[in-house]
N, C-alpha and C. Protein backbone atom coordinates (compact mmCIF):
# COMPACT_ATOMS: atom_id res chain seq x y z
N UNK A 1 106.26 166.88 167.91
CA UNK A 1 107.07 165.91 168.49
C UNK A 1 107.89 165.38 167.35
N UNK A 2 109.30 165.30 167.26
CA UNK A 2 109.52 164.38 165.85
C UNK A 2 109.69 162.73 165.84
N UNK A 3 109.65 162.51 164.49
CA UNK A 3 109.39 160.82 164.55
C UNK A 3 110.40 160.30 165.08
N UNK A 4 109.99 159.13 165.91
CA UNK A 4 111.11 158.49 166.34
C UNK A 4 111.75 157.55 165.52
N UNK A 5 112.68 157.43 165.34
CA UNK A 5 113.47 156.41 164.33
C UNK A 5 113.87 155.23 165.19
N UNK A 6 112.82 154.64 164.96
CA UNK A 6 112.29 153.17 165.84
C UNK A 6 113.49 152.27 164.85
N UNK A 7 114.61 151.55 165.64
CA UNK A 7 115.23 150.70 164.50
C UNK A 7 115.04 149.53 165.23
N UNK A 8 116.42 148.75 166.11
CA UNK A 8 116.14 147.69 166.80
C UNK A 8 115.95 148.14 168.19
N UNK A 9 114.62 147.75 168.55
CA UNK A 9 114.35 148.14 169.71
C UNK A 9 114.05 147.34 171.06
N UNK A 10 114.87 147.62 172.07
CA UNK A 10 114.19 146.65 173.17
C UNK A 10 113.81 147.93 174.77
N UNK A 11 112.83 147.00 174.89
CA UNK A 11 112.93 148.00 176.28
C UNK A 11 113.39 147.75 177.69
N UNK A 12 114.04 148.82 177.97
CA UNK A 12 114.76 148.54 179.39
C UNK A 12 114.36 149.41 180.21
N UNK A 13 113.47 148.49 181.45
CA UNK A 13 112.65 148.80 182.36
C UNK A 13 113.63 149.26 184.08
N UNK A 14 113.43 150.08 184.80
CA UNK A 14 114.23 150.69 185.44
C UNK A 14 113.81 150.48 186.75
N UNK A 15 113.95 149.61 187.77
CA UNK A 15 113.83 149.48 189.15
C UNK A 15 112.27 149.35 189.18
N UNK A 16 111.28 148.86 188.41
CA UNK A 16 110.43 147.93 188.70
C UNK A 16 110.39 146.38 189.50
N UNK A 17 110.91 146.85 191.12
CA UNK A 17 111.18 146.13 191.71
C UNK A 17 110.35 146.26 193.34
N UNK A 18 110.43 145.37 194.24
CA UNK A 18 109.25 145.74 195.52
C UNK A 18 109.54 146.54 196.12
N UNK A 19 111.01 147.26 195.99
CA UNK A 19 111.55 148.31 197.16
C UNK A 19 110.75 149.44 196.53
N UNK A 20 110.23 149.75 195.28
CA UNK A 20 109.55 150.89 195.15
C UNK A 20 107.87 151.07 194.99
N UNK A 21 107.33 149.41 194.52
CA UNK A 21 106.34 149.35 194.55
C UNK A 21 105.23 148.21 194.75
N UNK A 22 105.75 147.63 196.24
CA UNK A 22 105.20 146.90 196.66
C UNK A 22 104.70 147.45 198.04
N UNK A 23 104.11 148.12 198.39
CA UNK A 23 103.69 148.82 199.63
C UNK A 23 104.10 148.21 201.17
N UNK A 24 103.56 146.71 200.59
CA UNK A 24 103.94 146.10 201.96
C UNK A 24 105.58 145.67 202.45
N UNK A 25 106.44 146.37 201.33
CA UNK A 25 107.78 145.87 202.26
C UNK A 25 108.89 147.05 201.38
N UNK A 26 108.07 147.53 200.31
CA UNK A 26 109.16 148.70 200.02
C UNK A 26 109.67 149.44 201.01
N UNK A 27 110.87 150.02 200.61
CA UNK A 27 111.81 150.98 201.50
C UNK A 27 111.79 152.43 200.94
N UNK A 28 111.41 152.17 199.60
CA UNK A 28 111.44 154.11 198.91
C UNK A 28 110.03 153.72 197.87
N UNK A 29 109.16 153.77 198.81
CA UNK A 29 107.50 153.67 198.11
C UNK A 29 107.13 154.66 197.66
N UNK A 30 106.51 154.32 195.92
CA UNK A 30 105.85 155.03 195.55
C UNK A 30 104.31 155.27 195.98
N UNK A 31 103.14 156.10 196.42
CA UNK A 31 101.95 155.96 196.67
C UNK A 31 101.59 154.77 196.07
N UNK A 32 100.83 153.99 197.08
CA UNK A 32 100.38 152.41 196.65
C UNK A 32 99.08 152.96 195.10
N UNK A 33 98.55 153.77 195.52
CA UNK A 33 97.81 153.69 194.02
C UNK A 33 98.75 154.03 192.70
N UNK A 34 99.63 154.69 193.15
CA UNK A 34 100.44 155.08 192.27
C UNK A 34 101.28 153.84 191.66
N UNK A 35 101.51 153.16 192.38
CA UNK A 35 102.58 151.85 192.13
C UNK A 35 101.47 151.12 191.57
N UNK A 36 100.51 150.92 191.92
CA UNK A 36 99.63 149.81 191.31
C UNK A 36 99.02 150.05 189.43
N UNK A 37 99.03 151.44 189.43
CA UNK A 37 99.00 152.05 188.42
C UNK A 37 100.04 151.90 186.99
N UNK A 38 101.58 151.97 187.94
CA UNK A 38 102.80 152.02 187.20
C UNK A 38 102.89 150.21 186.78
N UNK A 39 102.61 149.65 188.09
CA UNK A 39 102.96 147.97 187.82
C UNK A 39 101.69 147.44 186.41
N UNK A 40 100.65 147.85 186.45
CA UNK A 40 99.85 147.40 185.40
C UNK A 40 100.09 147.95 183.82
N UNK A 41 100.54 149.34 183.86
CA UNK A 41 100.97 149.79 183.29
C UNK A 41 102.14 149.14 182.38
N UNK A 42 102.89 149.06 183.37
CA UNK A 42 104.44 148.48 182.66
C UNK A 42 103.96 146.94 181.88
N UNK A 43 103.13 146.23 182.79
CA UNK A 43 102.96 144.66 182.47
C UNK A 43 102.02 144.36 181.30
N UNK A 44 101.24 145.25 180.89
CA UNK A 44 100.32 145.51 180.08
C UNK A 44 101.38 145.87 178.78
N UNK A 45 102.09 146.96 178.65
CA UNK A 45 103.31 147.07 177.32
C UNK A 45 104.04 146.14 177.32
N UNK A 46 104.80 145.61 178.39
CA UNK A 46 105.43 144.28 177.98
C UNK A 46 104.97 143.51 177.57
N UNK A 47 103.98 143.30 177.93
CA UNK A 47 103.12 142.27 177.03
C UNK A 47 102.79 142.21 175.69
N UNK A 48 102.87 143.30 175.36
CA UNK A 48 102.70 144.03 174.18
C UNK A 48 103.85 143.47 173.36
N UNK A 49 104.92 144.27 173.90
CA UNK A 49 106.28 144.25 173.51
C UNK A 49 106.90 142.83 172.84
N UNK A 50 106.52 142.09 174.12
CA UNK A 50 106.88 140.41 174.19
C UNK A 50 106.30 139.76 172.77
N UNK A 51 105.23 139.90 172.64
CA UNK A 51 104.36 139.88 171.77
C UNK A 51 104.97 140.05 169.94
N UNK A 52 105.39 141.28 170.15
CA UNK A 52 106.45 141.71 168.72
C UNK A 52 107.85 141.39 168.79
N UNK A 53 108.16 140.31 169.87
CA UNK A 53 109.71 139.55 169.53
C UNK A 53 110.38 141.02 169.93
N UNK A 54 110.01 141.88 170.65
CA UNK A 54 110.86 143.06 171.60
C UNK A 54 112.06 142.40 172.54
N UNK A 55 112.96 142.56 172.84
CA UNK A 55 113.81 142.21 173.84
C UNK A 55 113.24 143.04 174.81
N UNK A 56 113.29 142.38 176.19
CA UNK A 56 113.02 142.86 177.69
C UNK A 56 114.04 142.83 178.45
N UNK A 57 114.65 143.88 179.07
CA UNK A 57 116.04 144.27 179.82
C UNK A 57 115.26 145.25 180.67
N UNK A 58 115.45 143.99 181.90
CA UNK A 58 114.81 144.84 183.76
C UNK A 58 116.27 145.06 184.01
N UNK A 59 116.67 146.27 184.49
CA UNK A 59 117.90 147.03 185.82
C UNK A 59 116.99 146.88 186.97
N UNK A 60 117.90 146.41 187.94
CA UNK A 60 117.36 146.40 189.39
C UNK A 60 118.33 146.63 189.81
N UNK A 61 118.60 147.88 191.09
CA UNK A 61 119.15 148.36 192.05
C UNK A 61 119.46 147.18 193.13
N UNK A 62 120.64 147.08 193.25
CA UNK A 62 121.39 146.15 194.69
C UNK A 62 122.61 146.75 194.96
N UNK A 63 122.84 146.74 196.30
CA UNK A 63 123.93 146.60 196.67
C UNK A 63 124.70 145.35 197.62
N UNK A 64 126.02 145.63 197.72
CA UNK A 64 126.67 144.53 198.54
C UNK A 64 126.86 145.12 200.14
N UNK A 65 126.55 145.71 200.20
CA UNK A 65 126.64 146.69 201.49
C UNK A 65 125.89 148.24 201.69
N UNK A 66 126.11 148.44 202.70
CA UNK A 66 125.21 149.90 203.12
C UNK A 66 126.29 150.91 202.22
N UNK A 67 127.85 150.66 202.74
CA UNK A 67 128.89 151.39 202.60
C UNK A 67 129.02 152.05 200.79
N UNK A 68 128.47 151.26 200.27
CA UNK A 68 128.17 151.72 198.60
C UNK A 68 127.07 152.64 198.12
N UNK A 69 126.33 152.63 199.19
CA UNK A 69 125.20 154.15 199.26
C UNK A 69 125.68 154.98 199.91
N UNK A 70 126.32 154.71 201.02
CA UNK A 70 126.67 156.01 201.70
C UNK A 70 128.01 156.92 201.04
N UNK A 71 128.48 156.34 200.60
CA UNK A 71 129.84 156.80 199.62
C UNK A 71 129.17 157.99 198.76
N UNK A 72 127.94 158.06 198.06
CA UNK A 72 127.69 159.20 197.55
C UNK A 72 126.97 160.49 198.43
N UNK A 73 128.17 161.30 198.45
CA UNK A 73 127.76 162.34 199.27
C UNK A 73 126.52 163.15 199.69
N UNK A 74 125.55 162.85 198.39
CA UNK A 74 124.25 163.67 198.82
C UNK A 74 123.56 163.05 199.08
N UNK A 75 123.28 161.34 198.96
CA UNK A 75 122.56 160.45 199.52
C UNK A 75 122.78 160.49 201.00
N UNK A 76 124.20 160.35 201.36
CA UNK A 76 124.60 160.04 202.64
C UNK A 76 123.76 161.61 203.65
N UNK A 77 123.88 162.54 202.98
CA UNK A 77 123.43 164.17 203.51
C UNK A 77 121.60 163.78 203.99
N UNK A 78 121.53 163.39 202.77
CA UNK A 78 119.71 163.58 203.28
C UNK A 78 119.44 162.10 204.11
N UNK A 79 119.94 160.80 204.05
CA UNK A 79 119.57 159.84 204.86
C UNK A 79 119.08 160.31 206.07
N UNK A 80 117.75 159.73 206.44
CA UNK A 80 117.52 160.12 207.74
C UNK A 80 116.97 161.49 208.05
N UNK A 81 116.44 162.43 207.46
CA UNK A 81 116.02 163.56 207.11
C UNK A 81 114.69 163.51 206.79
N UNK A 82 113.73 164.33 206.28
CA UNK A 82 112.63 164.39 205.99
C UNK A 82 112.15 164.15 204.10
N UNK A 83 113.57 164.24 203.84
CA UNK A 83 113.40 164.09 201.97
C UNK A 83 113.19 162.89 201.63
N UNK A 84 112.26 162.74 200.69
CA UNK A 84 111.90 161.51 199.95
C UNK A 84 112.83 160.33 199.78
N UNK A 85 113.91 160.65 199.56
CA UNK A 85 115.15 159.57 199.73
C UNK A 85 115.46 159.34 201.45
N UNK A 86 114.70 159.88 202.37
CA UNK A 86 115.47 159.74 203.73
C UNK A 86 115.82 158.24 203.86
N UNK A 87 115.20 157.02 203.34
CA UNK A 87 115.64 155.68 203.58
C UNK A 87 116.30 155.22 202.83
N UNK A 88 117.38 155.93 202.38
CA UNK A 88 118.39 155.68 200.82
C UNK A 88 119.25 154.72 201.61
N UNK A 89 119.63 155.08 202.80
CA UNK A 89 120.54 153.73 203.50
C UNK A 89 120.15 152.52 203.89
N UNK A 90 119.12 152.32 204.14
CA UNK A 90 118.13 150.98 203.70
C UNK A 90 117.69 150.33 202.42
N UNK A 91 118.00 150.73 201.44
CA UNK A 91 117.24 150.37 200.34
C UNK A 91 118.26 149.51 199.51
N UNK A 92 117.17 148.32 199.18
CA UNK A 92 118.14 147.50 198.13
C UNK A 92 119.54 146.79 198.71
N UNK A 93 119.24 146.37 200.30
CA UNK A 93 120.39 145.81 200.70
C UNK A 93 120.21 144.29 200.67
N UNK A 94 121.23 143.54 200.63
CA UNK A 94 121.25 141.84 200.74
C UNK A 94 120.15 141.73 201.48
N UNK A 95 119.57 140.69 200.93
CA UNK A 95 118.23 139.76 201.97
C UNK A 95 117.17 140.76 201.82
N UNK A 96 117.06 141.95 201.12
CA UNK A 96 116.09 142.72 201.17
C UNK A 96 114.99 141.80 200.66
N UNK A 97 113.68 142.04 200.77
CA UNK A 97 112.34 141.37 199.76
C UNK A 97 112.39 142.69 198.60
N UNK A 98 112.86 144.00 198.87
CA UNK A 98 112.71 144.64 197.73
C UNK A 98 113.08 144.37 196.33
N UNK A 99 114.28 143.46 196.75
CA UNK A 99 115.11 143.16 195.40
C UNK A 99 114.82 142.19 194.25
N UNK A 100 113.63 142.05 194.55
CA UNK A 100 112.63 141.12 193.76
C UNK A 100 111.94 142.23 192.67
N UNK A 101 111.80 141.44 191.26
CA UNK A 101 110.72 142.03 190.20
C UNK A 101 109.75 141.88 190.68
N UNK A 102 108.71 143.17 190.68
CA UNK A 102 106.94 142.84 190.53
C UNK A 102 107.12 141.79 189.61
N UNK A 103 106.30 140.62 190.24
CA UNK A 103 106.01 139.22 189.44
C UNK A 103 105.04 139.71 188.14
N UNK A 104 104.18 140.81 187.97
CA UNK A 104 103.23 141.26 186.87
C UNK A 104 104.28 141.77 185.81
N UNK A 105 105.64 141.85 186.00
CA UNK A 105 106.63 142.74 184.75
C UNK A 105 107.22 141.57 184.32
N UNK A 106 107.67 140.58 184.93
CA UNK A 106 108.55 139.37 184.90
C UNK A 106 108.79 138.09 184.08
N UNK A 107 108.85 138.32 183.22
CA UNK A 107 108.35 136.49 182.31
C UNK A 107 110.25 135.82 182.20
N UNK A 108 110.53 134.98 183.02
CA UNK A 108 111.78 134.50 183.34
C UNK A 108 112.01 133.68 182.52
N UNK A 109 111.10 133.03 181.51
CA UNK A 109 111.69 133.01 180.22
C UNK A 109 111.97 133.66 178.87
N UNK A 110 111.56 134.64 178.83
CA UNK A 110 111.71 135.29 177.79
C UNK A 110 112.93 136.83 178.75
N UNK A 111 112.66 137.60 179.39
CA UNK A 111 113.38 138.81 179.60
C UNK A 111 114.98 138.43 180.44
N UNK A 112 115.65 139.37 180.22
CA UNK A 112 117.01 139.51 180.93
C UNK A 112 116.72 140.56 181.97
N UNK A 113 117.57 140.20 182.94
CA UNK A 113 117.77 140.98 184.06
C UNK A 113 119.44 141.30 184.55
N UNK A 114 119.28 142.64 184.46
CA UNK A 114 120.76 143.24 184.79
C UNK A 114 120.97 143.71 185.98
N UNK A 115 121.05 143.18 187.40
CA UNK A 115 121.14 143.22 188.61
C UNK A 115 122.40 144.19 189.12
N UNK A 116 122.13 144.72 190.12
CA UNK A 116 123.86 145.42 190.19
C UNK A 116 124.17 146.81 190.24
N UNK A 117 122.41 147.84 189.64
CA UNK A 117 122.75 148.95 189.73
C UNK A 117 122.83 149.57 190.62
N UNK A 118 123.79 150.83 190.95
CA UNK A 118 124.28 151.46 191.88
C UNK A 118 124.13 152.63 192.14
N UNK A 119 123.40 153.32 191.02
CA UNK A 119 123.43 154.64 190.84
C UNK A 119 122.06 154.68 189.76
N UNK A 120 121.78 156.26 189.43
CA UNK A 120 120.83 156.48 188.80
C UNK A 120 120.59 156.52 187.54
N UNK A 121 121.99 156.50 186.95
CA UNK A 121 122.39 155.69 185.69
C UNK A 121 122.38 154.43 185.52
N UNK A 122 121.51 153.92 184.72
CA UNK A 122 121.79 152.45 184.36
C UNK A 122 122.76 151.62 183.64
N UNK A 123 123.57 152.72 183.12
CA UNK A 123 124.57 152.04 182.44
C UNK A 123 125.75 151.76 183.12
N UNK A 124 125.61 152.52 184.14
CA UNK A 124 126.89 152.89 185.27
C UNK A 124 127.46 151.92 185.99
N UNK A 125 128.59 151.14 185.80
CA UNK A 125 128.86 149.87 186.83
C UNK A 125 128.01 148.69 186.54
N UNK A 126 127.10 148.69 185.30
CA UNK A 126 126.68 147.60 184.85
C UNK A 126 127.02 147.05 183.46
N UNK A 127 126.54 146.03 183.11
CA UNK A 127 126.74 145.19 182.15
C UNK A 127 125.47 145.74 180.86
N UNK A 128 125.01 146.55 181.50
CA UNK A 128 123.76 146.88 180.26
C UNK A 128 124.06 147.14 178.55
N UNK A 129 125.15 148.14 178.99
CA UNK A 129 125.74 148.40 177.25
C UNK A 129 126.05 147.04 176.40
N UNK A 130 126.82 146.18 177.25
CA UNK A 130 127.22 144.96 176.76
C UNK A 130 125.96 143.93 176.15
N UNK A 131 124.75 143.91 177.03
CA UNK A 131 123.68 143.03 176.62
C UNK A 131 122.96 143.67 175.46
N UNK A 132 122.78 145.24 175.22
CA UNK A 132 122.31 146.25 174.32
C UNK A 132 123.13 145.89 173.25
N UNK A 133 124.47 146.15 173.14
CA UNK A 133 125.20 146.21 171.80
C UNK A 133 125.22 144.86 171.47
N UNK A 134 125.19 143.52 172.30
CA UNK A 134 125.46 141.99 171.11
C UNK A 134 124.09 142.19 170.73
N UNK A 135 123.02 142.35 170.76
CA UNK A 135 121.51 142.48 170.51
C UNK A 135 121.64 143.16 169.35
N UNK A 136 122.41 143.97 169.11
CA UNK A 136 122.34 145.33 167.87
C UNK A 136 121.26 146.06 168.31
N UNK A 137 120.85 146.68 169.84
CA UNK A 137 119.56 147.43 169.60
C UNK A 137 120.74 148.75 169.55
N UNK A 138 119.82 149.59 169.07
CA UNK A 138 120.10 151.28 168.93
C UNK A 138 118.72 151.98 169.57
N UNK A 139 117.37 151.84 169.81
CA UNK A 139 116.69 152.39 170.19
C UNK A 139 116.25 151.76 171.69
N UNK A 140 116.39 152.26 172.81
CA UNK A 140 115.67 152.06 173.89
C UNK A 140 114.08 152.54 174.53
N UNK A 141 113.36 151.55 174.53
CA UNK A 141 112.13 151.89 175.46
C UNK A 141 111.88 151.76 176.70
N UNK A 142 112.19 153.13 177.39
CA UNK A 142 112.46 153.36 178.84
C UNK A 142 111.19 153.12 179.54
N UNK A 143 111.23 152.48 180.85
CA UNK A 143 110.06 152.55 181.27
C UNK A 143 110.59 152.17 182.97
N UNK A 144 109.87 152.86 184.17
CA UNK A 144 110.51 152.56 185.53
C UNK A 144 110.25 153.80 185.85
N UNK A 145 111.26 153.63 187.06
CA UNK A 145 110.80 154.71 188.39
C UNK A 145 112.44 154.91 188.80
N UNK A 146 112.76 156.19 188.81
CA UNK A 146 111.61 157.04 189.41
C UNK A 146 111.80 158.32 188.13
N UNK A 147 111.21 159.22 187.42
CA UNK A 147 111.23 159.78 186.63
C UNK A 147 112.01 160.73 186.28
N UNK A 148 112.54 161.34 187.64
CA UNK A 148 112.81 162.49 187.76
C UNK A 148 114.56 162.40 188.29
N UNK A 149 114.77 160.68 188.42
CA UNK A 149 115.85 160.38 188.84
C UNK A 149 116.61 159.41 188.10
N UNK A 150 116.28 158.14 188.21
CA UNK A 150 116.75 157.00 187.34
C UNK A 150 116.45 156.90 186.09
N UNK A 151 115.04 157.27 185.62
CA UNK A 151 114.74 157.49 184.27
C UNK A 151 115.72 158.31 183.51
N UNK A 152 115.62 159.81 184.35
CA UNK A 152 116.13 161.13 183.67
C UNK A 152 117.86 160.38 183.62
N UNK A 153 118.33 160.11 184.00
CA UNK A 153 119.85 159.97 183.84
C UNK A 153 120.05 159.04 183.25
N UNK A 154 119.16 157.86 182.77
CA UNK A 154 119.36 156.66 181.94
C UNK A 154 119.28 157.42 180.69
N UNK A 155 117.74 158.53 180.78
CA UNK A 155 117.93 158.68 179.02
C UNK A 155 118.88 159.39 179.14
N UNK A 156 119.54 160.22 179.69
CA UNK A 156 120.54 161.01 179.22
C UNK A 156 122.07 160.59 178.81
N UNK A 157 122.27 159.42 179.80
CA UNK A 157 123.53 158.42 179.92
C UNK A 157 122.95 157.74 177.92
N UNK A 158 121.63 156.99 178.16
CA UNK A 158 121.47 156.82 176.25
C UNK A 158 122.30 157.64 174.93
N UNK A 159 121.51 158.91 175.89
CA UNK A 159 121.53 159.87 174.28
C UNK A 159 123.02 160.09 174.20
N UNK A 160 123.86 159.88 175.35
CA UNK A 160 125.41 160.58 175.07
C UNK A 160 126.25 159.12 174.64
N UNK A 161 125.25 157.83 174.44
CA UNK A 161 126.30 156.64 174.25
C UNK A 161 125.58 156.36 172.31
N UNK A 162 124.45 157.34 172.27
CA UNK A 162 123.91 157.11 170.44
C UNK A 162 122.78 156.39 170.66
N UNK A 163 122.55 156.31 171.57
CA UNK A 163 120.88 155.70 171.59
C UNK A 163 119.85 156.46 170.88
N UNK A 164 118.71 155.84 170.51
CA UNK A 164 117.72 156.59 170.47
C UNK A 164 116.95 156.04 171.90
N UNK A 165 116.65 156.82 172.84
CA UNK A 165 115.79 156.88 174.17
C UNK A 165 114.78 157.05 173.60
N UNK A 166 113.45 156.39 174.06
CA UNK A 166 111.96 156.87 174.11
C UNK A 166 111.36 156.37 175.35
N UNK A 167 110.91 157.69 176.24
CA UNK A 167 110.10 157.26 177.57
C UNK A 167 109.07 156.78 177.12
N UNK A 168 108.60 155.59 178.05
CA UNK A 168 107.24 155.50 177.82
C UNK A 168 106.15 156.17 178.36
N UNK A 169 105.51 156.98 178.36
CA UNK A 169 104.57 158.14 179.46
C UNK A 169 104.00 157.37 180.39
N UNK A 170 102.99 156.53 180.32
CA UNK A 170 102.15 155.56 181.41
C UNK A 170 103.36 155.36 182.30
N UNK A 171 104.41 154.44 182.16
CA UNK A 171 105.37 153.71 182.34
C UNK A 171 105.91 153.95 183.20
N UNK A 172 106.10 155.35 183.16
CA UNK A 172 107.07 155.51 184.32
C UNK A 172 106.39 156.61 185.59
N UNK A 173 107.16 156.84 186.89
CA UNK A 173 106.63 157.55 187.13
C UNK A 173 107.33 157.74 188.80
N UNK A 174 106.94 158.60 189.67
CA UNK A 174 108.10 158.99 190.92
C UNK A 174 107.83 159.36 192.06
N UNK A 175 108.24 159.55 193.51
CA UNK A 175 107.60 159.21 194.39
C UNK A 175 108.08 161.24 194.49
N UNK A 176 108.48 161.52 193.67
CA UNK A 176 108.46 163.11 193.50
C UNK A 176 107.53 163.55 192.93
N UNK A 177 106.38 163.98 193.04
CA UNK A 177 105.15 164.18 192.23
C UNK A 177 105.54 165.53 191.34
N UNK A 178 106.07 166.42 192.11
CA UNK A 178 106.10 167.85 191.67
C UNK A 178 107.13 167.99 190.45
N UNK A 179 107.94 166.35 190.52
CA UNK A 179 108.88 166.22 189.39
C UNK A 179 109.05 165.64 188.30
N UNK A 180 107.65 165.40 188.47
CA UNK A 180 107.39 164.00 187.39
C UNK A 180 107.31 165.01 185.72
N UNK A 181 106.50 165.72 185.85
CA UNK A 181 106.21 166.56 184.33
C UNK A 181 107.53 167.11 183.95
N UNK A 182 108.03 167.67 184.63
CA UNK A 182 109.21 168.44 184.50
C UNK A 182 110.42 167.61 183.68
N UNK A 183 110.67 166.57 184.70
CA UNK A 183 111.60 165.52 183.75
C UNK A 183 111.24 165.26 182.63
N UNK A 184 109.76 164.90 182.47
CA UNK A 184 109.91 164.55 180.93
C UNK A 184 109.65 165.44 179.87
N UNK A 185 109.71 167.23 180.83
CA UNK A 185 109.92 168.38 179.52
C UNK A 185 111.64 168.30 179.59
N UNK A 186 111.95 167.91 180.23
CA UNK A 186 113.80 168.05 180.23
C UNK A 186 114.11 167.14 179.01
N UNK A 187 113.71 165.58 178.98
CA UNK A 187 113.76 164.43 178.29
C UNK A 187 113.20 165.35 176.86
N UNK A 188 112.03 165.36 176.82
CA UNK A 188 111.32 165.94 175.12
C UNK A 188 112.43 167.15 174.57
N UNK A 189 113.13 168.17 175.63
CA UNK A 189 113.31 169.09 174.93
C UNK A 189 114.86 168.62 174.41
N UNK A 190 115.54 167.93 175.13
CA UNK A 190 117.30 168.04 174.83
C UNK A 190 117.50 166.86 174.91
N UNK A 191 117.08 165.48 175.24
CA UNK A 191 117.75 163.85 175.26
C UNK A 191 117.15 162.81 174.32
N UNK A 192 115.62 162.97 174.56
CA UNK A 192 115.24 161.97 173.66
C UNK A 192 113.45 161.91 173.35
N UNK A 193 112.66 161.27 173.50
CA UNK A 193 111.15 161.42 173.09
C UNK A 193 110.32 161.09 174.42
N UNK A 194 109.44 161.27 174.09
CA UNK A 194 107.93 160.75 175.28
C UNK A 194 106.90 160.16 174.02
N UNK A 195 106.68 159.18 174.60
CA UNK A 195 105.26 158.72 173.59
C UNK A 195 104.48 157.70 174.58
N UNK A 196 103.31 157.59 174.03
CA UNK A 196 102.32 156.71 175.15
C UNK A 196 102.60 155.19 175.11
N UNK A 197 102.24 154.12 175.66
CA UNK A 197 102.44 152.99 175.01
C UNK A 197 101.60 152.75 174.09
N UNK A 198 100.30 153.05 173.64
CA UNK A 198 99.50 152.88 172.40
C UNK A 198 100.72 153.13 171.19
N UNK A 199 101.04 154.32 171.29
CA UNK A 199 101.74 154.40 170.31
C UNK A 199 102.96 154.42 169.85
N UNK A 200 104.11 153.63 170.90
CA UNK A 200 104.81 152.78 170.62
C UNK A 200 104.54 151.35 170.20
N UNK A 201 103.86 150.98 170.79
CA UNK A 201 103.15 149.67 170.16
C UNK A 201 102.63 149.54 168.60
N UNK A 202 102.12 150.39 168.54
CA UNK A 202 101.68 150.73 166.73
C UNK A 202 102.60 150.71 166.03
N UNK A 203 103.79 151.68 166.49
CA UNK A 203 105.22 151.91 165.51
C UNK A 203 105.99 150.77 165.34
N UNK A 204 105.78 150.02 166.47
CA UNK A 204 106.76 148.61 166.73
C UNK A 204 106.40 147.58 165.32
């Protein structure tokens, strides 16, 4: 792996909310054991990043109404099928407990939260780019769910905006288990870096 050009870094977490990670309320859950593991990995990594004064930005999917979800033709086509995203038309709607970040990963006195992500790419229709540029961020330490959709799409989008994207390996996971390693391979080959939490924190 080529050396990561760490500059002014920020952690950007992707959908570390109860809608994926709390089995009691999740509308599109990871398996319970995986959800617990990735939540703890993120909590530990974020604590280490905060100790080094690295900004933490959480991006959370939320919709005003189901029509905003159903307007995506592919999502509409897999709703209520046997697909892993079958519950998509009930995911992250107003009033849902799934909208809340997992408490283990959130420090309200330190972190920034970008609410209103509508698609896999965290930059699309959000103010994430403004939040980062205003803080002179050039390196994104990416964590969250799902590796092969939102994490991959955000890594691609970061690359095209000339950020240096680094995916923190223990801190990402997916409902689509067979696609996890494939997504990391695509990222390594074409869009950014994949590194362990220990490597990232040591480099910072």
